Each structure stands twice: as structure tokens, then as C-alpha cells.
């Protein structure tokens, strides 16, 4: 074999080896690029899912409580009663109470019915505080002291419908103790009913919230 032939064979083999090496390097590069794209896509999907979960959680807090606890509104709550604006209707079957909650607090309104005293709108996230005298009138809070934890009450309004609540706390405070009016409800719906004790020295506080997971009837 001549020197020239051996040189040609060597160059050919070297070219082939160089080509194989280039192909191996290219394949490694492509695989790495595909892997990077895959990781990036996975991260984007995870971030998207996380963001969606966060947004869904924000939206669903109120929707879950309202949709799960809502009853069909049997009739529209009147906008006015005895010359006073009405904000909601309160029903407490245990003490046979059905009354309208007047919208604007005043001493005159308190002589007519129970009244929104403080807080959020009815059936909304926050603490909806309702005050009433313990007069012997059928639409007042004369029998509020008879309620027990676990008793049911209903609040109806034209915006959110009729929602069922369960009494979860009952206690008394002195008039200057106002912690029961706090709006820190951790994003939940709460109702507080307030009236005087029989001797008027203290206030009876009844706390109630919708039951989570309650199915609409």
C-alpha cells in the first residue's frame, strides 16, 4: 500500500470519527435543550396551577358559603316597613321570632324593630351586628336569652337570598365591652345579635355563622 493511499484512508477515518463526534455533541445539545424546555414548561404549568388555586380560593370563600348555605328566597324582603328602611329579614324558629331588620340605627327605629347596629351588610363576609330591645313585642328580642348553641336562624336579603346560620356562641358583656362588634372574621360570614339582660346591666351576645358544607334544600 502506497504512502498516498494510507494518507487517504487516514483522512477518511478521521473525517468519519469527526462526523460521529459532531453528531454525538449535537444530540447531547438537543437533548439538553429539550430537557430545559420541558423543565420550563413544567414550572410554568405549576405556577399557573398555583396562581389559579390562589385566585379560586379568594373567589370561592364567599361563593362556597353562599351557595352551600342558601335557601330559595320565598318572597322579596320589603324595602320599607312602618316608615323605616328595611335591610333584611330575621327568622329564629326556636323562639318563634320573625322580624325585619331596619337599615339605619336610631333610638326611634329601636322602638319599632331590631336594627343593624354595626358592620357589614347582611349575608356578606364580615360581622353583621343586629341590636334590639328585649321588649315584649313579638318582633323584638324578648326571648333571645332562650337560644342555645346549635339553634338555627335564617337571614334573608334581596341581594344574597336566604341563608341558614347556626348559633355557635352565647355570652354576656358589659355595655362598654365592644369586642363582639369586631370585623375580624378571617374572611367568613358572621352575625351577632345583641340585646339587654332582664336587669339591663349587661348585654346578651349571640354569635352565629353559616355551616360550611351545608347543602341547599
Protein backbone atom coordinates (compact mmCIF):
# COMPACT_ATOMS: atom_id res chain seq x y z
CA UNK A 1 0.00 0.00 0.00
CA UNK A 2 1.46 3.27 -1.08
CA UNK A 3 2.03 6.19 1.18
CA UNK A 4 -0.59 8.19 -0.70
CA UNK A 5 -3.28 5.51 -0.21
CA UNK A 6 -2.56 5.29 3.51
CA UNK A 7 -2.90 9.06 3.81
CA UNK A 8 -6.30 8.99 2.06
CA UNK A 9 -7.54 6.19 4.34
CA UNK A 10 -6.33 8.06 7.44
CA UNK A 11 -8.05 11.28 6.34
CA UNK A 12 -11.25 9.35 5.57
CA UNK A 13 -11.27 7.62 9.00
CA UNK A 14 -10.52 10.90 10.73
CA UNK A 15 -13.38 12.57 8.87
CA UNK A 16 -15.76 9.76 9.84
CA UNK A 17 -14.69 9.94 13.51
CA UNK A 18 -15.02 13.72 13.49
CA UNK A 19 -18.50 13.39 11.97
CA UNK A 20 -19.54 10.87 14.65
CA UNK A 21 -18.17 13.16 17.37
CA UNK A 22 -20.08 16.12 15.97
CA UNK A 23 -23.30 14.05 15.85
CA UNK A 24 -22.84 12.94 19.47
CA UNK A 25 -22.23 16.52 20.62
CA UNK A 26 -25.26 17.75 18.62
CA UNK A 27 -27.53 15.06 20.09
CA UNK A 28 -26.38 15.94 23.59
CA UNK A 29 -27.08 19.61 22.90
CA UNK A 30 -30.56 18.88 21.51
CA UNK A 31 -31.45 16.61 24.44
CA UNK A 32 -30.31 19.28 26.88
CA UNK A 33 -32.36 21.92 25.06
CA UNK A 34 -35.44 19.70 25.10
CA UNK A 35 -34.91 18.98 28.79
CA UNK A 36 -34.62 22.69 29.58
CA UNK A 37 -37.80 23.42 27.65
CA UNK A 38 -39.58 20.61 29.48
CA UNK A 39 -38.46 21.93 32.89
CA UNK A 40 -39.51 25.46 31.95
CA UNK A 41 -42.91 24.24 30.77
CA UNK A 42 -43.37 22.22 33.94
CA UNK A 43 -42.55 25.26 36.08
CA UNK A 44 -44.96 27.45 34.10
CA UNK A 45 -47.72 24.90 34.50
CA UNK A 46 -47.03 24.63 38.22
CA UNK A 47 -47.02 28.42 38.64
CA UNK A 48 -50.23 28.63 36.61
CA UNK A 49 -51.86 25.97 38.75
CA UNK A 50 -50.70 27.70 41.94
CA UNK A 51 -51.97 31.09 40.79
CA UNK A 52 -55.27 29.55 39.72
CA UNK A 53 -55.61 27.83 43.09
CA UNK A 54 -54.90 31.09 44.93
CA UNK A 55 -57.42 33.01 42.82
CA UNK A 56 -60.00 30.22 43.13
CA UNK A 57 -59.51 30.25 46.90
CA UNK A 58 -60.05 34.00 47.03
CA UNK A 59 -63.21 33.77 44.94
CA UNK A 60 -64.61 30.61 46.48
CA UNK A 61 -64.53 31.67 50.14
CA UNK A 62 -67.67 33.71 49.80
CA UNK A 63 -69.24 31.68 46.97
CA UNK A 64 -68.89 28.39 48.87
CA UNK A 65 -70.65 29.77 51.94
CA UNK A 66 -73.38 31.49 49.97
CA UNK A 67 -74.07 28.66 47.53
CA UNK A 68 -73.92 25.92 50.13
CA UNK A 69 -75.98 27.73 52.76
CA UNK A 70 -78.55 29.50 50.63
CA UNK A 71 -82.24 28.63 50.56
CA UNK A 72 -84.59 29.88 47.85
CA UNK A 73 -85.91 33.29 48.86
CA UNK A 74 -89.62 32.66 49.38
CA UNK A 75 -90.60 36.30 48.87
CA UNK A 76 -88.79 39.56 48.36
CA UNK A 77 -87.83 41.39 51.54
CA UNK A 78 -89.75 44.70 51.63
CA UNK A 79 -87.66 47.83 51.25
CA UNK A 80 -89.67 49.68 53.90
CA UNK A 81 -91.70 48.82 57.00
CA UNK A 82 -93.64 51.29 59.15
CA UNK A 83 -91.80 54.17 57.52
CA UNK A 84 -88.29 52.75 58.09
CA UNK A 85 -85.88 51.31 55.51
CA UNK A 86 -85.50 47.52 55.78
CA UNK A 87 -82.17 45.76 55.13
CA UNK A 88 -83.08 42.11 55.86
CA UNK A 89 -85.48 39.68 57.49
CA UNK A 90 -84.56 37.59 60.55
CA UNK A 91 -86.23 34.29 61.45
CA UNK A 92 -85.46 32.24 64.58
CA UNK A 93 -87.81 29.22 64.71
CA UNK A 94 -86.73 28.14 68.21
CA UNK A 95 -88.16 31.30 69.80
CA UNK A 96 -90.84 31.83 67.14
CA UNK A 97 -89.36 35.12 66.01
CA UNK A 98 -89.90 36.69 62.59
CA UNK A 99 -88.85 40.30 62.28
CA UNK A 100 -87.49 42.84 59.85
CA UNK A 101 -84.04 44.29 60.44
CA UNK A 102 -84.15 48.04 59.92
CA UNK A 103 -81.31 49.60 57.97
CA UNK A 104 -80.45 52.78 59.89
CA UNK A 105 -79.80 52.80 63.62
CA UNK A 106 -81.62 55.36 65.75
CA UNK A 107 -83.42 55.38 69.10
CA UNK A 108 -86.69 55.85 67.22
CA UNK A 109 -86.04 52.85 64.96
CA UNK A 110 -85.27 50.70 68.01
CA UNK A 111 -88.79 51.34 69.27
CA UNK A 112 -90.17 49.78 66.07
CA UNK A 113 -88.00 46.71 65.37
CA UNK A 114 -84.49 45.29 65.60
CA UNK A 115 -81.86 47.37 63.80
CA UNK A 116 -78.48 46.95 62.12
CA UNK A 117 -76.07 48.43 64.64
CA UNK A 118 -72.64 47.90 63.09
CA UNK A 119 -70.60 46.03 60.48
CA UNK A 120 -71.04 44.56 57.06
CA UNK A 121 -74.21 44.07 55.02
CA UNK A 122 -76.41 41.02 55.76
CA UNK A 123 -75.13 37.67 54.45
CA UNK A 124 -71.81 39.22 53.44
CA UNK A 125 -68.28 38.39 54.61
CA UNK A 126 -67.72 40.20 57.91
CA UNK A 127 -69.68 40.68 61.12
CA UNK A 128 -73.30 41.80 60.65
CA UNK A 129 -74.34 43.19 64.05
CA UNK A 130 -78.03 43.50 64.94
CA UNK A 131 -79.33 45.12 68.11
CA UNK A 132 -82.82 45.03 69.58
CA UNK A 133 -84.68 45.79 72.80
CA UNK A 134 -85.92 42.96 75.00
CA UNK A 135 -89.42 44.45 74.91
CA UNK A 136 -92.35 42.07 74.99
CA UNK A 137 -93.24 42.91 71.39
CA UNK A 138 -93.36 39.82 69.16
CA UNK A 139 -90.81 41.33 66.73
CA UNK A 140 -88.23 42.18 69.41
CA UNK A 141 -85.52 40.19 71.21
CA UNK A 142 -87.52 39.38 74.35
CA UNK A 143 -86.72 35.64 74.06
CA UNK A 144 -83.17 35.88 72.76
CA UNK A 145 -81.85 34.61 76.12
CA UNK A 146 -83.59 31.27 75.47
CA UNK A 147 -81.35 30.40 72.50
CA UNK A 148 -78.83 27.58 72.80
CA UNK A 149 -75.68 26.76 70.88
CA UNK A 150 -76.66 24.81 67.76
CA UNK A 151 -80.00 26.56 67.30
CA UNK A 152 -80.86 27.68 63.78
CA UNK A 153 -81.66 31.13 62.46
CA UNK A 154 -82.26 32.49 58.97
CA UNK A 155 -81.36 35.85 57.47
CA UNK A 156 -82.90 36.88 54.14
CA UNK A 157 -82.00 39.80 51.93
CA UNK A 158 -82.72 40.67 48.32
CA UNK A 159 -79.04 40.57 47.32
CA UNK A 160 -77.87 37.16 48.59
CA UNK A 161 -81.11 35.29 49.30
CA UNK A 162 -81.90 33.32 52.44
CA UNK A 163 -79.04 31.82 54.44
CA UNK A 164 -79.19 29.41 57.34
CA UNK A 165 -76.99 30.08 60.36
CA UNK A 166 -76.09 28.02 63.42
CA UNK A 167 -75.60 29.64 66.81
CA UNK A 168 -72.01 28.94 67.88
CA UNK A 169 -71.51 31.19 70.91
CA UNK A 170 -73.62 32.89 73.60
CA UNK A 171 -72.29 35.11 76.37
CA UNK A 172 -72.89 38.37 78.24
CA UNK A 173 -70.78 41.54 78.37
CA UNK A 174 -70.98 44.95 79.99
CA UNK A 175 -72.08 47.84 77.72
CA UNK A 176 -68.56 49.25 77.41
CA UNK A 177 -67.18 45.91 76.17
CA UNK A 178 -67.40 46.13 72.36
CA UNK A 179 -65.15 43.30 71.16
CA UNK A 180 -68.25 41.47 69.88
CA UNK A 181 -68.52 44.12 67.13
CA UNK A 182 -65.11 43.29 65.64
CA UNK A 183 -64.97 42.80 61.87
CA UNK A 184 -62.01 40.41 62.06
CA UNK A 185 -63.81 37.27 60.93
CA UNK A 186 -60.97 35.65 58.96
CA UNK A 187 -62.86 36.04 55.69
CA UNK A 188 -66.02 34.38 57.00
CA UNK A 189 -69.66 35.38 57.30
CA UNK A 190 -70.84 36.09 60.84
CA UNK A 191 -73.92 37.52 62.51
CA UNK A 192 -74.07 38.99 66.01
CA UNK A 193 -77.40 39.54 67.80
CA UNK A 194 -77.39 41.88 70.80
CA UNK A 195 -79.95 42.71 73.48
CA UNK A 196 -80.08 43.63 77.17
CA UNK A 197 -80.32 41.23 80.08
CA UNK A 198 -83.54 41.50 82.08
CA UNK A 199 -81.95 43.94 84.53
CA UNK A 200 -80.38 45.91 81.62
CA UNK A 201 -76.97 45.86 83.36
CA UNK A 202 -75.35 43.60 80.76
CA UNK A 203 -75.75 42.70 77.10
CA UNK A 204 -76.58 39.25 75.76
CA UNK A 205 -74.40 38.38 72.75
CA UNK A 206 -75.43 35.65 70.31
CA UNK A 207 -72.93 34.69 67.60
CA UNK A 208 -73.97 32.67 64.53
CA UNK A 209 -72.35 31.56 61.27
CA UNK A 210 -73.40 29.53 58.22
CA UNK A 211 -72.45 25.86 58.36
CA UNK A 212 -69.70 25.03 55.87
CA UNK A 213 -70.77 22.28 53.52
CA UNK A 214 -74.48 22.87 54.14
CA UNK A 215 -76.38 21.64 51.07
CA UNK A 216 -79.06 23.80 49.53
CA UNK A 217 -82.55 22.39 50.07
